[in-house]
């Protein structure tokens, strides 16, 4: 319960007099934050919509690497499928484009509850979050996605079936698994933030490793675009590796904080 209190307790003793607000004022701040997020995401989607041609080619590139003829075999089952796919791709691309801005709006909403020292690390944290998000997206696109599609293609051919995939299902699979990896790579930032705020410790992360792995695998099942074992393991294993990295990063943060406190 003490750890939960550290997460949810609002810091009333702060040097910012605007930090203490009535509950309705917090709801008003939340409303404006959601409005700004929606407007920013809409603008990003419109920008991405102007480049829908290159975006479609980017999504189709892993398929061309497996077999150039597969792209021509993608089946359109509805007259509206092309338009729906273009809007979906633009929406996902808008999330990637505006990701640091969206994080900034969320940080603005949380800032009144933070101390001055914690506010100083907000912008570097946003930058690191965006960098990890992009790393996760690129890792999935260049490493995981070709291997996953190649496995499904080869498995289908081994059964002597013709892999005529639906264009809408293919685009949904590629975009969702790519974004899922981007979100999964945010795990170190979340853990480091909790360690920095003394909610978690590296020792606690080590002791709860077996439980954390089970939770990570359950999360991988939820955010994976398909329920197959290949996609699940492709997402779950990197997240487990990231958790191990988080333990070491947390240890370095604690060590640096201890040195600073000793000097002071």
C-alpha atoms as a PDB file:
ATOM      1  CA  UNK A   1       0.000   0.000   0.000  1.00  0.00           C
ATOM      2  CA  UNK A   2       2.893   2.350   0.678  1.00  0.00           C
ATOM      3  CA  UNK A   3       4.059   2.025  -2.908  1.00  0.00           C
ATOM      4  CA  UNK A   4       0.581   2.763  -4.217  1.00  0.00           C
ATOM      5  CA  UNK A   5       0.369   5.806  -1.967  1.00  0.00           C
ATOM      6  CA  UNK A   6       3.531   7.148  -3.533  1.00  0.00           C
ATOM      7  CA  UNK A   7       1.953   6.844  -6.975  1.00  0.00           C
ATOM      8  CA  UNK A   8      -1.452   8.332  -6.255  1.00  0.00           C
ATOM      9  CA  UNK A   9      -0.719  10.782  -3.460  1.00  0.00           C
ATOM     10  CA  UNK A  10      -1.001  14.361  -4.622  1.00  0.00           C
ATOM     11  CA  UNK A  11       1.845  16.534  -3.353  1.00  0.00           C
ATOM     12  CA  UNK A  12       0.174  19.383  -1.529  1.00  0.00           C
ATOM     13  CA  UNK A  13       3.397  20.749  -0.103  1.00  0.00           C
ATOM     14  CA  UNK A  14       4.959  22.314  -3.163  1.00  0.00           C
ATOM     15  CA  UNK A  15       6.472  25.637  -4.093  1.00  0.00           C
ATOM     16  CA  UNK A  16       3.875  26.105  -6.816  1.00  0.00           C
ATOM     17  CA  UNK A  17       0.728  27.698  -5.335  1.00  0.00           C
ATOM     18  CA  UNK A  18      -1.274  26.623  -8.384  1.00  0.00           C
ATOM     19  CA  UNK A  19      -0.612  22.964  -7.631  1.00  0.00           C
ATOM     20  CA  UNK A  20      -3.461  22.735  -5.103  1.00  0.00           C
ATOM     21  CA  UNK A  21      -6.697  22.935  -7.041  1.00  0.00           C
ATOM     22  CA  UNK A  22     -10.294  21.908  -6.507  1.00  0.00           C
ATOM     23  CA  UNK A  23     -11.370  18.634  -8.067  1.00  0.00           C
ATOM     24  CA  UNK A  24     -13.497  20.343 -10.745  1.00  0.00           C
ATOM     25  CA  UNK A  25     -10.498  22.403 -11.834  1.00  0.00           C
ATOM     26  CA  UNK A  26      -8.555  19.197 -12.337  1.00  0.00           C
ATOM     27  CA  UNK A  27     -11.379  17.876 -14.505  1.00  0.00           C
ATOM     28  CA  UNK A  28     -11.271  21.091 -16.543  1.00  0.00           C
ATOM     29  CA  UNK A  29      -7.511  20.685 -17.026  1.00  0.00           C
ATOM     30  CA  UNK A  30      -8.069  17.085 -18.079  1.00  0.00           C
ATOM     31  CA  UNK A  31     -10.725  18.162 -20.588  1.00  0.00           C
ATOM     32  CA  UNK A  32      -8.445  20.746 -22.201  1.00  0.00           C
ATOM     33  CA  UNK A  33      -5.599  18.255 -22.280  1.00  0.00           C
ATOM     34  CA  UNK A  34      -7.787  15.748 -24.146  1.00  0.00           C
ATOM     35  CA  UNK A  35      -8.937  18.482 -26.546  1.00  0.00           C
ATOM     36  CA  UNK A  36      -5.341  19.464 -27.335  1.00  0.00           C
ATOM     37  CA  UNK A  37      -4.389  15.819 -27.817  1.00  0.00           C
ATOM     38  CA  UNK A  38      -7.314  15.241 -30.202  1.00  0.00           C
ATOM     39  CA  UNK A  39      -6.618  18.401 -32.238  1.00  0.00           C
ATOM     40  CA  UNK A  40      -2.887  17.654 -32.478  1.00  0.00           C
ATOM     41  CA  UNK A  41      -3.555  14.075 -33.514  1.00  0.00           C
ATOM     42  CA  UNK A  42      -6.042  15.267 -36.150  1.00  0.00           C
ATOM     43  CA  UNK A  43      -3.489  17.707 -37.605  1.00  0.00           C
ATOM     44  CA  UNK A  44      -0.857  14.958 -37.685  1.00  0.00           C
ATOM     45  CA  UNK A  45      -3.311  12.683 -39.466  1.00  0.00           C
ATOM     46  CA  UNK A  46      -4.034  15.344 -42.100  1.00  0.00           C
ATOM     47  CA  UNK A  47      -0.298  15.851 -42.693  1.00  0.00           C
ATOM     48  CA  UNK A  48       0.219  12.104 -43.054  1.00  0.00           C
ATOM     49  CA  UNK A  49      -2.784  11.887 -45.379  1.00  0.00           C
ATOM     50  CA  UNK A  50      -0.974  14.152 -47.842  1.00  0.00           C
ATOM     51  CA  UNK A  51       1.786  11.536 -48.088  1.00  0.00           C
ATOM     52  CA  UNK A  52      -0.419   8.442 -48.221  1.00  0.00           C
ATOM     53  CA  UNK A  53       1.327   7.147 -51.373  1.00  0.00           C
ATOM     54  CA  UNK A  54       4.797   6.806 -49.810  1.00  0.00           C
ATOM     55  CA  UNK A  55       3.199   5.469 -46.598  1.00  0.00           C
ATOM     56  CA  UNK A  56       1.455   2.681 -48.507  1.00  0.00           C
ATOM     57  CA  UNK A  57       4.732   1.785 -50.203  1.00  0.00           C
ATOM     58  CA  UNK A  58       6.527   1.691 -46.841  1.00  0.00           C
ATOM     59  CA  UNK A  59       3.940  -0.716 -45.398  1.00  0.00           C
ATOM     60  CA  UNK A  60       4.128  -2.939 -48.512  1.00  0.00           C
ATOM     61  CA  UNK A  61       7.940  -3.048 -48.564  1.00  0.00           C
ATOM     62  CA  UNK A  62       8.335  -6.069 -46.208  1.00  0.00           C
ATOM     63  CA  UNK A  63       5.921  -8.003 -48.414  1.00  0.00           C
ATOM     64  CA  UNK A  64       7.898  -7.154 -51.556  1.00  0.00           C
ATOM     65  CA  UNK A  65      11.054  -8.441 -49.907  1.00  0.00           C
ATOM     66  CA  UNK A  66       9.453 -11.856 -49.418  1.00  0.00           C
ATOM     67  CA  UNK A  67       7.891 -12.092 -52.872  1.00  0.00           C
ATOM     68  CA  UNK A  68       7.339  -9.116 -55.225  1.00  0.00           C
ATOM     69  CA  UNK A  69       4.224 -10.783 -56.621  1.00  0.00           C
ATOM     70  CA  UNK A  70       2.504 -10.902 -53.232  1.00  0.00           C
ATOM     71  CA  UNK A  71       1.609  -7.208 -53.371  1.00  0.00           C
ATOM     72  CA  UNK A  72      -0.380  -7.756 -56.575  1.00  0.00           C
ATOM     73  CA  UNK A  73      -2.181 -10.655 -54.921  1.00  0.00           C
ATOM     74  CA  UNK A  74      -3.529  -8.601 -52.028  1.00  0.00           C
ATOM     75  CA  UNK A  75      -7.303  -8.854 -52.219  1.00  0.00           C
ATOM     76  CA  UNK A  76      -9.698  -5.938 -51.842  1.00  0.00           C
ATOM     77  CA  UNK A  77     -13.061  -7.284 -50.670  1.00  0.00           C
ATOM     78  CA  UNK A  78     -14.979  -4.020 -50.427  1.00  0.00           C
ATOM     79  CA  UNK A  79     -15.201  -0.866 -52.577  1.00  0.00           C
ATOM     80  CA  UNK A  80     -14.473   1.243 -49.498  1.00  0.00           C
ATOM     81  CA  UNK A  81     -11.429  -0.759 -48.354  1.00  0.00           C
ATOM     82  CA  UNK A  82      -8.820   1.436 -50.095  1.00  0.00           C
ATOM     83  CA  UNK A  83     -10.199   4.633 -48.555  1.00  0.00           C
ATOM     84  CA  UNK A  84     -10.538   3.067 -45.092  1.00  0.00           C
ATOM     85  CA  UNK A  85      -6.972   1.740 -45.269  1.00  0.00           C
ATOM     86  CA  UNK A  86      -5.589   5.140 -46.272  1.00  0.00           C
ATOM     87  CA  UNK A  87      -7.311   6.801 -43.312  1.00  0.00           C
ATOM     88  CA  UNK A  88      -6.112   4.085 -40.917  1.00  0.00           C
ATOM     89  CA  UNK A  89      -2.506   4.397 -42.087  1.00  0.00           C
ATOM     90  CA  UNK A  90      -2.696   8.182 -41.813  1.00  0.00           C
ATOM     91  CA  UNK A  91      -4.071   7.883 -38.284  1.00  0.00           C
ATOM     92  CA  UNK A  92      -1.246   5.591 -37.152  1.00  0.00           C
ATOM     93  CA  UNK A  93       1.341   7.773 -38.901  1.00  0.00           C
ATOM     94  CA  UNK A  94      -0.192  10.795 -37.162  1.00  0.00           C
ATOM     95  CA  UNK A  95       0.415   9.101 -33.799  1.00  0.00           C
ATOM     96  CA  UNK A  96       4.092   8.595 -34.666  1.00  0.00           C
ATOM     97  CA  UNK A  97       4.521  12.165 -35.928  1.00  0.00           C
ATOM     98  CA  UNK A  98       2.860  13.833 -32.961  1.00  0.00           C
ATOM     99  CA  UNK A  99       4.053  11.389 -30.277  1.00  0.00           C
ATOM    100  CA  UNK A 100       6.442  13.813 -28.498  1.00  0.00           C
ATOM    101  CA  UNK A 101       3.813  16.586 -28.563  1.00  0.00           C
ATOM    102  CA  UNK A 102       1.207  14.259 -27.076  1.00  0.00           C
ATOM    103  CA  UNK A 103       3.648  13.309 -24.330  1.00  0.00           C
ATOM    104  CA  UNK A 104       4.260  16.992 -23.642  1.00  0.00           C
ATOM    105  CA  UNK A 105       0.533  17.674 -23.209  1.00  0.00           C
ATOM    106  CA  UNK A 106       0.253  14.754 -20.798  1.00  0.00           C
ATOM    107  CA  UNK A 107       3.294  16.026 -18.902  1.00  0.00           C
ATOM    108  CA  UNK A 108       1.733  19.492 -18.671  1.00  0.00           C
ATOM    109  CA  UNK A 109      -1.301  17.961 -16.990  1.00  0.00           C
ATOM    110  CA  UNK A 110       0.882  16.110 -14.473  1.00  0.00           C
ATOM    111  CA  UNK A 111       3.364  18.965 -13.828  1.00  0.00           C
ATOM    112  CA  UNK A 112       1.463  20.672 -10.969  1.00  0.00           C
ATOM    113  CA  UNK A 113       1.788  17.474  -8.930  1.00  0.00           C
ATOM    114  CA  UNK A 114       5.565  17.331  -9.385  1.00  0.00           C
ATOM    115  CA  UNK A 115       8.336  18.954  -7.434  1.00  0.00           C
ATOM    116  CA  UNK A 116      10.713  21.463  -9.044  1.00  0.00           C
ATOM    117  CA  UNK A 117      13.460  18.849  -9.329  1.00  0.00           C
ATOM    118  CA  UNK A 118      11.119  16.368 -11.011  1.00  0.00           C
ATOM    119  CA  UNK A 119       9.912  18.986 -13.498  1.00  0.00           C
ATOM    120  CA  UNK A 120      13.480  19.505 -14.678  1.00  0.00           C
ATOM    121  CA  UNK A 121      13.650  15.964 -16.007  1.00  0.00           C
ATOM    122  CA  UNK A 122      10.320  16.100 -17.871  1.00  0.00           C
ATOM    123  CA  UNK A 123      11.705  17.321 -21.216  1.00  0.00           C
ATOM    124  CA  UNK A 124      14.655  14.879 -21.251  1.00  0.00           C
ATOM    125  CA  UNK A 125      12.195  12.115 -20.371  1.00  0.00           C
ATOM    126  CA  UNK A 126       9.936  13.092 -23.284  1.00  0.00           C
ATOM    127  CA  UNK A 127      12.920  13.062 -25.630  1.00  0.00           C
ATOM    128  CA  UNK A 128      14.038   9.652 -24.387  1.00  0.00           C
ATOM    129  CA  UNK A 129      10.480   8.300 -24.664  1.00  0.00           C
ATOM    130  CA  UNK A 130      10.191   9.417 -28.270  1.00  0.00           C
ATOM    131  CA  UNK A 131      13.617   7.968 -29.085  1.00  0.00           C
ATOM    132  CA  UNK A 132      12.698   4.599 -27.562  1.00  0.00           C
ATOM    133  CA  UNK A 133       9.352   4.649 -29.363  1.00  0.00           C
ATOM    134  CA  UNK A 134      11.095   5.170 -32.707  1.00  0.00           C
ATOM    135  CA  UNK A 135      13.673   2.476 -31.869  1.00  0.00           C
ATOM    136  CA  UNK A 136      10.841   0.039 -31.137  1.00  0.00           C
ATOM    137  CA  UNK A 137       9.074   0.886 -34.391  1.00  0.00           C
ATOM    138  CA  UNK A 138      12.259   0.517 -36.454  1.00  0.00           C
ATOM    139  CA  UNK A 139      13.250  -2.696 -34.677  1.00  0.00           C
ATOM    140  CA  UNK A 140       9.882  -4.210 -35.504  1.00  0.00           C
ATOM    141  CA  UNK A 141       9.873  -2.953 -39.101  1.00  0.00           C
ATOM    142  CA  UNK A 142      13.382  -4.077 -40.053  1.00  0.00           C
ATOM    143  CA  UNK A 143      13.899  -7.133 -37.802  1.00  0.00           C
ATOM    144  CA  UNK A 144      10.687  -8.663 -36.450  1.00  0.00           C
ATOM    145  CA  UNK A 145       8.219  -7.955 -39.243  1.00  0.00           C
ATOM    146  CA  UNK A 146      10.199  -9.523 -42.132  1.00  0.00           C
ATOM    147  CA  UNK A 147      10.871 -12.653 -40.059  1.00  0.00           C
ATOM    148  CA  UNK A 148       7.230 -12.947 -38.961  1.00  0.00           C
ATOM    149  CA  UNK A 149       5.811 -12.444 -42.451  1.00  0.00           C
ATOM    150  CA  UNK A 150       8.415 -14.798 -43.889  1.00  0.00           C
ATOM    151  CA  UNK A 151       7.421 -17.477 -41.400  1.00  0.00           C
ATOM    152  CA  UNK A 152       3.724 -17.195 -42.238  1.00  0.00           C
ATOM    153  CA  UNK A 153       4.452 -17.142 -45.966  1.00  0.00           C
ATOM    154  CA  UNK A 154       6.712 -20.193 -45.784  1.00  0.00           C
ATOM    155  CA  UNK A 155       4.302 -22.079 -43.537  1.00  0.00           C
ATOM    156  CA  UNK A 156       1.435 -21.397 -45.950  1.00  0.00           C
ATOM    157  CA  UNK A 157       3.513 -22.578 -48.923  1.00  0.00           C
ATOM    158  CA  UNK A 158       4.535 -25.733 -47.036  1.00  0.00           C
ATOM    159  CA  UNK A 159       0.846 -26.643 -46.828  1.00  0.00           C
ATOM    160  CA  UNK A 160       0.605 -26.151 -50.624  1.00  0.00           C
ATOM    161  CA  UNK A 161      -1.800 -23.256 -50.186  1.00  0.00           C
ATOM    162  CA  UNK A 162      -1.722 -19.993 -52.116  1.00  0.00           C
ATOM    163  CA  UNK A 163      -1.069 -17.000 -49.807  1.00  0.00           C
ATOM    164  CA  UNK A 164      -3.650 -14.560 -51.166  1.00  0.00           C
ATOM    165  CA  UNK A 165      -3.958 -12.245 -48.178  1.00  0.00           C
ATOM    166  CA  UNK A 166      -6.597  -9.562 -47.704  1.00  0.00           C
ATOM    167  CA  UNK A 167      -5.190  -6.076 -48.095  1.00  0.00           C
ATOM    168  CA  UNK A 168      -7.078  -4.715 -45.079  1.00  0.00           C
ATOM    169  CA  UNK A 169      -5.919  -7.543 -42.813  1.00  0.00           C
ATOM    170  CA  UNK A 170      -2.316  -7.162 -43.968  1.00  0.00           C
ATOM    171  CA  UNK A 171      -2.177  -3.397 -43.394  1.00  0.00           C
ATOM    172  CA  UNK A 172      -3.858  -3.757 -39.994  1.00  0.00           C
ATOM    173  CA  UNK A 173      -1.355  -6.426 -38.956  1.00  0.00           C
ATOM    174  CA  UNK A 174       1.708  -4.410 -40.023  1.00  0.00           C
ATOM    175  CA  UNK A 175       0.631  -1.108 -38.455  1.00  0.00           C
ATOM    176  CA  UNK A 176      -0.614  -2.618 -35.200  1.00  0.00           C
ATOM    177  CA  UNK A 177       2.410  -4.804 -34.515  1.00  0.00           C
ATOM    178  CA  UNK A 178       4.740  -1.893 -35.352  1.00  0.00           C
ATOM    179  CA  UNK A 179       2.990   0.450 -32.924  1.00  0.00           C
ATOM    180  CA  UNK A 180       2.822  -2.320 -30.323  1.00  0.00           C
ATOM    181  CA  UNK A 181       6.618  -2.593 -30.390  1.00  0.00           C
ATOM    182  CA  UNK A 182       6.932   1.181 -30.126  1.00  0.00           C
ATOM    183  CA  UNK A 183       4.752   1.186 -27.007  1.00  0.00           C
ATOM    184  CA  UNK A 184       6.540  -1.864 -25.563  1.00  0.00           C
ATOM    185  CA  UNK A 185       9.893  -0.088 -25.824  1.00  0.00           C
ATOM    186  CA  UNK A 186       8.555   2.578 -23.450  1.00  0.00           C
ATOM    187  CA  UNK A 187       8.942   0.109 -20.567  1.00  0.00           C
ATOM    188  CA  UNK A 188      12.408   1.369 -19.488  1.00  0.00           C
ATOM    189  CA  UNK A 189      11.148   4.947 -19.225  1.00  0.00           C
ATOM    190  CA  UNK A 190       8.184   3.909 -17.077  1.00  0.00           C
ATOM    191  CA  UNK A 191      10.342   1.819 -14.754  1.00  0.00           C
ATOM    192  CA  UNK A 192      13.057   4.473 -14.485  1.00  0.00           C
ATOM    193  CA  UNK A 193      10.451   7.117 -13.650  1.00  0.00           C
ATOM    194  CA  UNK A 194       9.100   4.931 -10.839  1.00  0.00           C
ATOM    195  CA  UNK A 195      12.635   4.257  -9.567  1.00  0.00           C
ATOM    196  CA  UNK A 196      13.446   7.962  -9.735  1.00  0.00           C
ATOM    197  CA  UNK A 197      10.366   8.775  -7.649  1.00  0.00           C
ATOM    198  CA  UNK A 198      11.366   6.019  -5.177  1.00  0.00           C
ATOM    199  CA  UNK A 199       8.216   4.031  -5.935  1.00  0.00           C
ATOM    200  CA  UNK A 200      10.316   1.058  -7.093  1.00  0.00           C
ATOM    201  CA  UNK A 201      13.856  -0.118  -6.397  1.00  0.00           C
ATOM    202  CA  UNK A 202      16.218  -2.299  -8.392  1.00  0.00           C
ATOM    203  CA  UNK A 203      16.104  -4.858  -5.566  1.00  0.00           C
ATOM    204  CA  UNK A 204      12.318  -4.965  -5.734  1.00  0.00           C
ATOM    205  CA  UNK A 205      12.504  -5.441  -9.530  1.00  0.00           C
ATOM    206  CA  UNK A 206      14.896  -8.369  -9.077  1.00  0.00           C
ATOM    207  CA  UNK A 207      12.765 -10.039  -6.421  1.00  0.00           C
ATOM    208  CA  UNK A 208       9.576  -9.733  -8.466  1.00  0.00           C
ATOM    209  CA  UNK A 209      11.171 -10.828 -11.765  1.00  0.00           C
ATOM    210  CA  UNK A 210       9.107 -14.069 -12.099  1.00  0.00           C
ATOM    211  CA  UNK A 211       5.834 -12.219 -11.520  1.00  0.00           C
ATOM    212  CA  UNK A 212       6.901  -9.394 -13.856  1.00  0.00           C
ATOM    213  CA  UNK A 213       7.650 -11.842 -16.662  1.00  0.00           C
ATOM    214  CA  UNK A 214       4.176 -13.355 -16.338  1.00  0.00           C
ATOM    215  CA  UNK A 215       2.607  -9.866 -16.419  1.00  0.00           C
ATOM    216  CA  UNK A 216       4.749  -8.880 -19.420  1.00  0.00           C
ATOM    217  CA  UNK A 217       3.668 -11.970 -21.350  1.00  0.00           C
ATOM    218  CA  UNK A 218       0.023 -11.246 -20.511  1.00  0.00           C
ATOM    219  CA  UNK A 219       0.441  -7.672 -21.766  1.00  0.00           C
ATOM    220  CA  UNK A 220       2.082  -9.024 -24.945  1.00  0.00           C
ATOM    221  CA  UNK A 221      -0.967 -11.199 -25.541  1.00  0.00           C
ATOM    222  CA  UNK A 222      -3.256  -8.167 -25.195  1.00  0.00           C
ATOM    223  CA  UNK A 223      -1.350  -5.718 -27.414  1.00  0.00           C
ATOM    224  CA  UNK A 224      -0.249  -8.237 -30.065  1.00  0.00           C
ATOM    225  CA  UNK A 225      -2.340  -7.776 -33.238  1.00  0.00           C
ATOM    226  CA  UNK A 226      -2.842 -11.529 -33.705  1.00  0.00           C
ATOM    227  CA  UNK A 227      -3.113 -14.376 -31.141  1.00  0.00           C
ATOM    228  CA  UNK A 228      -0.547 -16.648 -32.829  1.00  0.00           C
ATOM    229  CA  UNK A 229       2.505 -17.892 -30.930  1.00  0.00           C
ATOM    230  CA  UNK A 230       5.035 -16.348 -33.337  1.00  0.00           C
ATOM    231  CA  UNK A 231       3.747 -12.795 -32.964  1.00  0.00           C
ATOM    232  CA  UNK A 232       3.264 -13.259 -29.224  1.00  0.00           C
ATOM    233  CA  UNK A 233       6.849 -14.451 -28.665  1.00  0.00           C
ATOM    234  CA  UNK A 234       8.247 -11.816 -31.044  1.00  0.00           C
ATOM    235  CA  UNK A 235       6.755  -9.174 -28.772  1.00  0.00           C
ATOM    236  CA  UNK A 236       7.038 -10.881 -25.378  1.00  0.00           C
ATOM    237  CA  UNK A 237      10.719 -11.859 -25.517  1.00  0.00           C
ATOM    238  CA  UNK A 238      12.041  -8.335 -26.294  1.00  0.00           C
ATOM    239  CA  UNK A 239       9.875  -6.967 -23.473  1.00  0.00           C
ATOM    240  CA  UNK A 240      11.434  -9.479 -21.057  1.00  0.00           C
ATOM    241  CA  UNK A 241      14.889  -8.390 -22.206  1.00  0.00           C
ATOM    242  CA  UNK A 242      13.879  -4.764 -21.672  1.00  0.00           C
ATOM    243  CA  UNK A 243      12.805  -5.624 -18.133  1.00  0.00           C
ATOM    244  CA  UNK A 244      16.278  -6.996 -17.405  1.00  0.00           C
ATOM    245  CA  UNK A 245      17.765  -3.797 -18.812  1.00  0.00           C
ATOM    246  CA  UNK A 246      15.431  -1.822 -16.535  1.00  0.00           C
ATOM    247  CA  UNK A 247      16.858  -3.597 -13.481  1.00  0.00           C
ATOM    248  CA  UNK A 248      20.379  -2.480 -14.364  1.00  0.00           C
ATOM    249  CA  UNK A 249      19.262   1.034 -15.282  1.00  0.00           C
ATOM    250  CA  UNK A 250      17.438   1.283 -11.963  1.00  0.00           C
ATOM    251  CA  UNK A 251      20.610   0.185 -10.166  1.00  0.00           C
ATOM    252  CA  UNK A 252      22.611   2.926 -11.909  1.00  0.00           C
ATOM    253  CA  UNK A 253      19.982   5.536 -11.011  1.00  0.00           C
ATOM    254  CA  UNK A 254      20.054   4.497  -7.354  1.00  0.00           C
ATOM    255  CA  UNK A 255      23.850   4.507  -7.323  1.00  0.00           C
ATOM    256  CA  UNK A 256      24.027   7.991  -8.842  1.00  0.00           C
ATOM    257  CA  UNK A 257      21.417   9.266  -6.374  1.00  0.00           C
ATOM    258  CA  UNK A 258      23.342   7.764  -3.444  1.00  0.00           C
ATOM    259  CA  UNK A 259      26.560   9.445  -4.570  1.00  0.00           C
ATOM    260  CA  UNK A 260      24.768  12.782  -4.903  1.00  0.00           C
ATOM    261  CA  UNK A 261      23.212  12.481  -1.453  1.00  0.00           C
ATOM    262  CA  UNK A 262      26.593  11.535   0.036  1.00  0.00           C
ATOM    263  CA  UNK A 263      28.240  14.626  -1.493  1.00  0.00           C
ATOM    264  CA  UNK A 264      25.448  16.890  -0.295  1.00  0.00           C
END
